Protein backbone atom coordinates (compact mmCIF):
# COMPACT_ATOMS: atom_id res chain seq x y z
CA MET A 1 -10.50 -58.26 -31.49
CA PHE A 2 -7.79 -56.53 -33.38
CA ASP A 3 -7.38 -52.89 -32.24
CA LEU A 4 -6.09 -50.94 -35.51
CA VAL A 5 -5.64 -47.72 -33.28
CA ARG A 6 -3.19 -49.64 -30.71
CA ALA A 7 -1.47 -51.17 -33.77
CA ALA A 8 -0.85 -47.70 -35.28
CA ILE A 9 0.64 -46.20 -32.14
CA PRO A 10 4.27 -46.69 -33.19
CA PHE A 11 3.43 -45.42 -36.67
CA PHE A 12 1.87 -42.28 -35.01
CA PHE A 13 5.22 -41.73 -32.95
CA ALA A 14 7.35 -42.36 -35.98
CA LEU A 15 5.54 -39.75 -38.14
CA VAL A 16 5.68 -37.08 -35.02
CA LEU A 17 9.34 -37.71 -35.13
CA ILE A 18 9.70 -37.19 -38.84
CA GLU A 19 7.51 -34.02 -39.08
CA ALA A 20 9.45 -32.57 -35.95
CA ILE A 21 12.80 -33.08 -37.76
CA ALA A 22 11.24 -31.65 -40.75
CA TYR A 23 10.34 -28.62 -39.02
CA HIS A 24 13.75 -28.42 -37.26
CA PHE A 25 15.53 -28.23 -40.95
CA ASP A 26 12.79 -26.07 -42.43
CA ARG A 27 14.25 -22.54 -42.16
CA ASP A 28 11.45 -20.80 -43.95
CA GLU A 29 8.67 -21.45 -41.34
CA VAL A 30 7.39 -18.23 -39.57
CA GLU A 31 6.72 -20.31 -36.30
CA PRO A 32 8.23 -23.67 -35.20
CA GLY A 33 5.86 -26.43 -35.59
CA TYR A 34 6.72 -28.03 -32.51
CA GLU A 35 7.27 -26.72 -28.79
CA PRO A 36 8.92 -29.48 -26.45
CA LYS A 37 6.60 -28.80 -23.53
CA ASP A 38 3.27 -28.74 -25.60
CA THR A 39 4.38 -31.88 -27.47
CA ALA A 40 4.95 -33.93 -24.26
CA THR A 41 1.36 -32.65 -23.04
CA SER A 42 -0.10 -34.03 -26.31
CA LEU A 43 1.81 -37.20 -26.10
CA SER A 44 1.04 -37.55 -22.21
CA MET A 45 -2.95 -36.90 -23.10
CA GLY A 46 -2.71 -39.64 -25.85
CA LEU A 47 -1.16 -42.22 -23.48
CA GLY A 48 -3.86 -41.35 -20.84
CA ASN A 49 -6.55 -41.78 -23.69
CA VAL A 50 -5.07 -45.32 -24.67
CA VAL A 51 -5.19 -46.52 -20.92
CA ILE A 52 -8.67 -45.29 -20.54
CA ASN A 53 -9.77 -47.03 -23.53
CA LEU A 54 -8.53 -50.42 -22.73
CA PHE A 55 -11.48 -50.60 -20.25
CA TRP A 56 -13.74 -48.31 -22.16
CA LYS A 57 -13.69 -50.45 -25.22
CA LEU A 58 -14.98 -53.37 -23.36
CA VAL A 59 -18.11 -51.34 -22.25
CA LEU A 60 -18.70 -50.13 -25.75
CA VAL A 61 -18.27 -53.29 -27.34
CA ALA A 62 -20.64 -54.88 -24.50
CA ALA A 63 -23.27 -52.00 -25.01
CA LEU A 64 -23.09 -52.45 -28.84
CA ALA A 65 -23.38 -56.08 -28.84
CA ALA A 66 -26.46 -56.02 -26.51
CA VAL A 67 -28.22 -53.70 -28.75
CA TYR A 68 -27.23 -55.62 -32.02
CA SER A 69 -28.43 -58.78 -30.45
CA ALA A 70 -31.78 -57.18 -29.48
CA SER A 71 -32.41 -55.80 -33.02
CA PRO A 72 -34.25 -57.89 -35.80
CA LEU A 73 -31.95 -56.24 -38.56
CA ARG A 74 -28.85 -57.66 -40.22
CA MET A 75 -26.41 -56.20 -42.42
CA PRO A 76 -24.78 -58.74 -44.80
CA MET A 77 -21.20 -57.69 -44.16
CA ASP A 78 -19.82 -60.47 -46.65
CA ASP A 79 -20.78 -58.00 -49.30
CA VAL A 80 -19.26 -54.52 -50.56
CA TRP A 81 -22.31 -52.28 -50.18
CA PRO A 82 -22.88 -52.70 -46.43
CA TRP A 83 -19.21 -51.59 -46.10
CA VAL A 84 -19.88 -48.58 -48.08
CA ALA A 85 -23.07 -47.89 -46.23
CA LEU A 86 -21.30 -48.25 -43.07
CA PHE A 87 -18.42 -45.89 -44.00
CA MET A 88 -20.90 -43.16 -44.89
CA SER A 89 -23.37 -44.01 -41.76
CA GLU A 90 -20.25 -44.08 -39.23
CA ASP A 91 -19.08 -40.88 -40.70
CA PHE A 92 -22.41 -39.17 -40.37
CA CYS A 93 -22.58 -40.36 -36.68
CA PHE A 94 -19.16 -38.76 -36.19
CA TYR A 95 -20.14 -35.45 -37.46
CA TRP A 96 -23.42 -35.21 -35.24
CA TRP A 97 -21.27 -36.28 -32.15
CA HIS A 98 -18.73 -33.79 -32.97
CA ARG A 99 -21.03 -31.01 -33.62
CA THR A 100 -22.84 -31.69 -30.32
CA ALA A 101 -19.59 -31.88 -28.49
CA HIS A 102 -18.87 -28.28 -29.73
CA GLU A 103 -22.43 -26.96 -28.91
CA VAL A 104 -23.13 -28.39 -25.58
CA ARG A 105 -21.03 -27.26 -22.96
CA VAL A 106 -21.04 -30.34 -20.49
CA ILE A 107 -19.94 -32.46 -23.55
CA TRP A 108 -17.33 -29.57 -24.71
CA ALA A 109 -15.88 -29.83 -21.14
CA SER A 110 -14.51 -33.39 -22.45
CA HIS A 111 -13.75 -32.60 -25.98
CA VAL A 112 -11.71 -29.16 -25.19
CA ILE A 113 -8.62 -31.34 -24.60
CA HIS A 114 -8.31 -31.94 -28.00
CA HIS A 115 -8.41 -28.06 -29.02
CA SER A 116 -6.19 -27.00 -26.12
CA SER A 117 -2.88 -26.54 -27.90
CA GLU A 118 -1.75 -23.43 -29.43
CA HIS A 119 0.18 -25.61 -31.74
CA PHE A 120 -1.09 -27.63 -34.80
CA ASN A 121 1.19 -30.62 -35.77
CA LEU A 122 0.81 -34.32 -35.60
CA SER A 123 1.27 -34.50 -31.92
CA THR A 124 -1.87 -32.58 -31.63
CA ALA A 125 -3.72 -35.39 -33.10
CA LEU A 126 -2.91 -37.47 -29.97
CA ARG A 127 -4.01 -35.09 -27.65
CA GLN A 128 -7.17 -36.84 -26.83
CA GLU A 129 -9.97 -36.68 -24.24
CA TRP A 130 -9.94 -38.69 -21.19
CA MET A 131 -13.90 -38.85 -20.67
CA PRO A 132 -15.17 -40.44 -23.94
CA MET A 133 -18.31 -42.26 -22.20
CA TYR A 134 -20.54 -39.77 -23.66
CA THR A 135 -20.07 -40.75 -27.01
CA LEU A 136 -21.91 -44.17 -26.89
CA PRO A 137 -25.28 -42.95 -27.86
CA PHE A 138 -24.11 -41.54 -31.15
CA TRP A 139 -23.10 -44.95 -32.50
CA ILE A 140 -25.85 -47.08 -31.07
CA PRO A 141 -28.18 -46.60 -34.16
CA LEU A 142 -25.66 -48.25 -36.11
CA ALA A 143 -26.14 -51.41 -34.21
CA ILE A 144 -29.97 -51.12 -34.34
CA VAL A 145 -29.96 -51.14 -38.23
CA GLY A 146 -27.74 -54.34 -38.23
CA PHE A 147 -24.09 -53.45 -38.36
CA PRO A 148 -22.22 -56.02 -36.26
CA PRO A 149 -20.23 -54.19 -33.37
CA TYR A 150 -16.71 -55.51 -34.62
CA ALA A 151 -17.60 -53.53 -37.85
CA ILE A 152 -18.45 -50.30 -36.15
CA ILE A 153 -15.54 -50.40 -33.79
CA LEU A 154 -13.29 -51.24 -36.94
CA MET A 155 -14.77 -48.29 -38.81
CA GLN A 156 -14.46 -45.74 -35.73
CA ALA A 157 -10.67 -47.02 -35.92
CA ILE A 158 -10.21 -46.35 -39.60
CA SER A 159 -11.76 -42.83 -39.11
CA LEU A 160 -9.16 -42.17 -36.17
CA VAL A 161 -6.17 -43.23 -38.13
CA PHE A 162 -7.20 -41.33 -41.08
CA GLN A 163 -7.88 -38.22 -38.95
CA PHE A 164 -4.30 -38.42 -37.48
CA GLY A 165 -2.95 -37.10 -40.81
CA LEU A 166 -5.22 -34.21 -40.66
CA HIS A 167 -3.12 -32.56 -38.20
CA THR A 168 -0.51 -30.83 -40.16
CA GLU A 169 0.53 -27.58 -41.58
CA LYS A 170 3.15 -29.40 -44.05
CA ILE A 171 0.19 -30.26 -46.39
CA ARG A 172 -1.51 -27.18 -47.68
CA LYS A 173 -4.20 -27.87 -50.31
CA LEU A 174 -5.06 -31.08 -51.96
CA PRO A 175 -6.67 -31.41 -55.50
CA ALA A 176 -10.08 -29.77 -55.72
CA PRO A 177 -12.16 -32.87 -56.00
CA ILE A 178 -10.46 -34.49 -52.90
CA GLU A 179 -10.89 -30.95 -50.80
CA TYR A 180 -14.70 -30.82 -51.94
CA VAL A 181 -15.49 -34.38 -50.72
CA PHE A 182 -13.08 -35.40 -48.00
CA ASN A 183 -11.76 -33.91 -45.06
CA THR A 184 -8.42 -32.71 -45.51
CA PRO A 185 -5.45 -30.72 -43.41
CA SER A 186 -6.63 -27.42 -44.79
CA HIS A 187 -10.45 -28.01 -43.79
CA HIS A 188 -9.03 -29.47 -40.30
CA ARG A 189 -6.94 -26.34 -39.53
CA VAL A 190 -10.05 -24.22 -39.82
CA HIS A 191 -11.83 -26.61 -37.14
CA HIS A 192 -8.68 -25.92 -34.60
CA GLY A 193 -8.81 -22.07 -35.47
CA ALA A 194 -9.66 -19.69 -32.48
CA ASN A 195 -10.32 -17.01 -35.19
CA THR A 196 -13.81 -15.58 -35.03
CA GLY A 197 -14.82 -16.99 -38.43
CA TYR A 198 -13.36 -20.18 -37.82
CA LEU A 199 -14.94 -21.19 -34.61
CA ASP A 200 -17.31 -24.32 -34.63
CA ARG A 201 -16.61 -25.23 -38.20
CA ASN A 202 -15.63 -28.33 -40.31
CA TYR A 203 -16.88 -31.09 -37.89
CA GLY A 204 -16.35 -33.89 -40.46
CA GLY A 205 -14.37 -37.05 -39.63
CA MET A 206 -13.38 -38.40 -43.11
CA LEU A 207 -15.60 -36.63 -45.17
CA ILE A 208 -16.59 -32.79 -45.44
CA ILE A 209 -19.86 -33.26 -47.35
CA TRP A 210 -21.76 -33.25 -44.21
CA ASP A 211 -20.51 -29.81 -43.18
CA ARG A 212 -21.43 -28.57 -46.67
CA LEU A 213 -24.95 -30.05 -46.25
CA PHE A 214 -25.50 -28.64 -42.89
CA GLY A 215 -24.02 -25.29 -43.16
CA SER A 216 -20.99 -25.64 -40.87
CA TYR A 217 -18.44 -25.70 -43.77
CA ARG A 218 -15.66 -22.89 -43.87
CA GLU A 219 -12.93 -22.47 -46.34
CA GLU A 220 -9.41 -21.99 -44.96
CA ASP A 221 -8.73 -18.40 -46.42
CA ALA A 222 -6.44 -16.74 -43.64
CA ARG A 223 -3.84 -17.74 -41.44
CA VAL A 224 -5.42 -19.95 -38.56
CA VAL A 225 -4.68 -18.97 -34.71
CA TYR A 226 -4.74 -22.18 -32.84
CA GLY A 227 -6.13 -22.87 -29.45
CA LEU A 228 -9.07 -21.62 -27.46
CA THR A 229 -10.79 -18.38 -27.21
CA LYS A 230 -9.36 -18.58 -23.43
CA ASN A 231 -6.34 -20.58 -23.53
CA VAL A 232 -5.30 -22.90 -20.64
CA ASP A 233 -1.90 -21.51 -20.31
CA SER A 234 -0.70 -24.68 -18.59
CA PHE A 235 1.07 -27.79 -19.91
CA ASN A 236 0.00 -29.89 -17.02
CA PRO A 237 -2.02 -32.78 -18.37
CA LEU A 238 -4.32 -33.06 -15.35
CA ARG A 239 -5.01 -29.16 -15.64
CA VAL A 240 -5.64 -29.53 -19.39
CA ALA A 241 -7.94 -32.51 -18.85
CA THR A 242 -10.03 -30.56 -16.15
CA HIS A 243 -9.80 -27.03 -16.48
CA GLU A 244 -13.21 -26.79 -18.20
CA TRP A 245 -14.80 -28.97 -15.85
CA ALA A 246 -13.70 -26.83 -12.91
CA ASP A 247 -14.86 -23.75 -14.83
CA LEU A 248 -18.30 -25.12 -15.50
CA ILE A 249 -18.72 -26.45 -11.75
CA THR A 250 -17.92 -22.90 -10.61
CA ASP A 251 -20.48 -21.54 -13.09
CA VAL A 252 -23.19 -23.76 -12.01
CA ARG A 253 -22.55 -23.45 -8.32
CA SER A 254 -22.88 -19.43 -8.84
CA THR A 255 -26.43 -19.68 -9.18
CA LYS A 256 -29.53 -21.05 -7.25
CA ARG A 257 -31.81 -20.94 -10.31
CA TRP A 258 -32.12 -24.45 -11.73
CA ARG A 259 -33.00 -23.12 -15.08
CA THR A 260 -29.70 -21.21 -15.06
CA LYS A 261 -27.77 -24.15 -14.01
CA LEU A 262 -29.33 -26.26 -16.84
CA GLY A 263 -28.26 -23.53 -19.15
CA TYR A 264 -24.54 -23.58 -18.15
CA LEU A 265 -24.83 -27.34 -18.68
CA PHE A 266 -26.42 -27.74 -21.96
CA HIS A 267 -26.08 -24.13 -23.86
CA LYS A 268 -23.23 -23.46 -26.05
CA PRO A 269 -19.73 -22.98 -24.29
CA GLY A 270 -19.66 -19.13 -23.45
CA TRP A 271 -23.21 -18.94 -22.61
CA ALA A 272 -24.36 -16.83 -19.63
CA PRO A 273 -27.84 -15.62 -18.44
CA ALA A 274 -28.79 -12.34 -19.61
CA GLU A 275 -28.46 -10.96 -16.19
CA VAL A 276 -24.79 -11.79 -15.79
CA GLU A 277 -22.49 -9.31 -17.54
CA GLN A 278 -20.21 -11.38 -19.77
CA THR A 279 -16.61 -10.73 -20.37
CA LYS A 280 -16.02 -11.92 -23.68
CA PRO A 281 -12.35 -12.76 -24.57
CA LYS A 282 -10.87 -11.30 -27.52
CA VAL A 283 -10.23 -13.44 -30.40
CA PRO A 284 -8.45 -12.74 -33.50
CA ALA A 285 -10.92 -11.34 -36.24
CA LEU A 286 -10.62 -12.40 -39.78
């Protein structure tokens, strides 16, 4: 099956290079858009994700195919409306996967990789997680209602390619109708912000309408501070990939109470039981 994401990799690298050159010659920028070590880490994380997906995609396709074969429903993919329905449905599934990845710590431990850079440029889009296995349940419903596996995988790839272009500061605002319906660089900058008012906002993939509907939308109205509320302070890809897992394991092992262990695993990142004094990191306020 044609892999759109892998086919797009040369274009990703070319666009990263073009943007980096543009920043080099743009003397009006307050801060440099690229930092060599940070960019190298992002590219390394992206290449690691590609290697992992060589194997994971086989599992994903097999699981979707098994569910699709067991379902009595079939979507007529030779018509236009099922593709429109798939576009909307896949983005809806993405929204809820993405929101869950921010609100459940054991899932955040994998997704945090993508938010670990303190820069925001096209290379940041390539800083992808190395443990994508938890994502499968969120797209299984698409196979249940009769979308064939090849169509689901293709729409996921289209979404990923689309989202690559969201990771830039070079595009400020698009026309209002586009900003209202679609995810844009402005919306996605908010999503990557560590500012207090920007945390856990704008989860959409290709569309921003789900955020507007479910109360997670925030407009970009102040300079974004990128990264985490507690940054990794390392360019080592292995450290970036595992730091939150290490912290999570430490927290789980710090208590003998199973209720507290489960709390550390399934509550939001930063959660701690009432009896534990929390030292909250300072984050820039809006």
